[in-house]
Amino acid sequence: REDGLITRTAYAEVPPRVEYALAPLGRGLHEVVARLIDWVTEHHDEVRANRGEAGTTAVRS
């Protein structure tokens, strides 16, 4: 548990078994990433449209 995002549980079994789960800190990050994915999904078409326009606009410095 180096960063506190994921917990690792190893079982003394044959064959070996290891389970990973989100720690509380990881669950908090998951919520943030899920909101980001929602935003991207909601604005995808607008971002793609703007990306298409970017090549047609000249910027002078």
Protein backbone atom coordinates (compact mmCIF):
# COMPACT_ATOMS: atom_id res chain seq x y z
CA ARG A 1 0.00 0.00 0.00
CA GLU A 2 2.53 2.54 -1.16
CA ASP A 3 0.18 5.36 -2.09
CA GLY A 4 -2.91 4.44 -0.10
CA LEU A 5 -5.16 4.12 -3.15
CA ILE A 6 -5.42 0.33 -3.25
CA THR A 7 -5.35 -2.39 -0.62
CA ARG A 8 -3.74 -5.75 -1.31
CA THR A 9 -4.69 -8.90 0.55
CA ALA A 10 -2.60 -12.03 -0.02
CA TYR A 11 -3.96 -15.43 1.02
CA ALA A 12 -1.76 -18.38 2.00
CA GLU A 13 -3.41 -20.77 -0.44
CA VAL A 14 -2.37 -23.05 -3.24
CA PRO A 15 -2.58 -21.76 -5.85
CA PRO A 16 -1.73 -18.35 -4.46
CA ARG A 17 -4.54 -15.81 -4.37
CA VAL A 18 -4.31 -12.03 -4.06
CA GLU A 19 -7.21 -9.59 -3.91
CA TYR A 20 -7.02 -5.89 -4.63
CA ALA A 21 -9.60 -3.30 -3.60
CA LEU A 22 -9.92 0.47 -3.53
CA ALA A 23 -8.94 1.99 -0.20
CA PRO A 24 -10.95 4.99 1.06
CA LEU A 25 -8.50 7.35 -0.65
CA GLY A 26 -8.88 5.40 -3.90
CA ARG A 27 -12.67 5.55 -3.66
CA GLY A 28 -12.41 9.33 -3.39
CA LEU A 29 -10.24 9.43 -6.51
CA HIS A 30 -12.69 7.14 -8.29
CA GLU A 31 -15.47 9.66 -7.63
CA VAL A 32 -13.39 12.47 -9.15
CA VAL A 33 -12.45 10.42 -12.22
CA ALA A 34 -16.07 9.33 -12.69
CA ARG A 35 -17.17 12.98 -12.70
CA LEU A 36 -14.42 13.78 -15.24
CA ILE A 37 -15.64 10.95 -17.48
CA ASP A 38 -19.20 12.29 -17.19
CA TRP A 39 -17.98 15.77 -18.21
CA VAL A 40 -16.06 14.38 -21.19
CA THR A 41 -19.08 12.38 -22.30
CA GLU A 42 -21.33 15.42 -22.00
CA HIS A 43 -18.96 17.77 -23.88
CA HIS A 44 -17.39 15.38 -26.39
CA ASP A 45 -19.17 16.76 -29.45
CA GLU A 46 -18.35 20.37 -28.55
CA VAL A 47 -14.68 19.56 -27.98
CA ARG A 48 -14.47 17.69 -31.30
CA ALA A 49 -16.14 20.60 -33.13
CA ASN A 50 -13.70 23.08 -31.61
CA ARG A 51 -10.77 20.84 -32.50
CA GLY A 52 -11.90 20.90 -36.14
CA GLU A 53 -12.00 24.70 -36.10
CA ALA A 54 -8.55 25.03 -34.55
CA GLY A 55 -6.78 24.31 -37.83
CA THR A 56 -8.61 27.10 -39.65
CA THR A 57 -7.75 29.94 -37.27
CA ALA A 58 -4.44 31.76 -37.65
CA VAL A 59 -2.88 33.33 -34.58
CA ARG A 60 -0.35 36.12 -34.92
CA SER A 61 2.06 37.10 -32.23
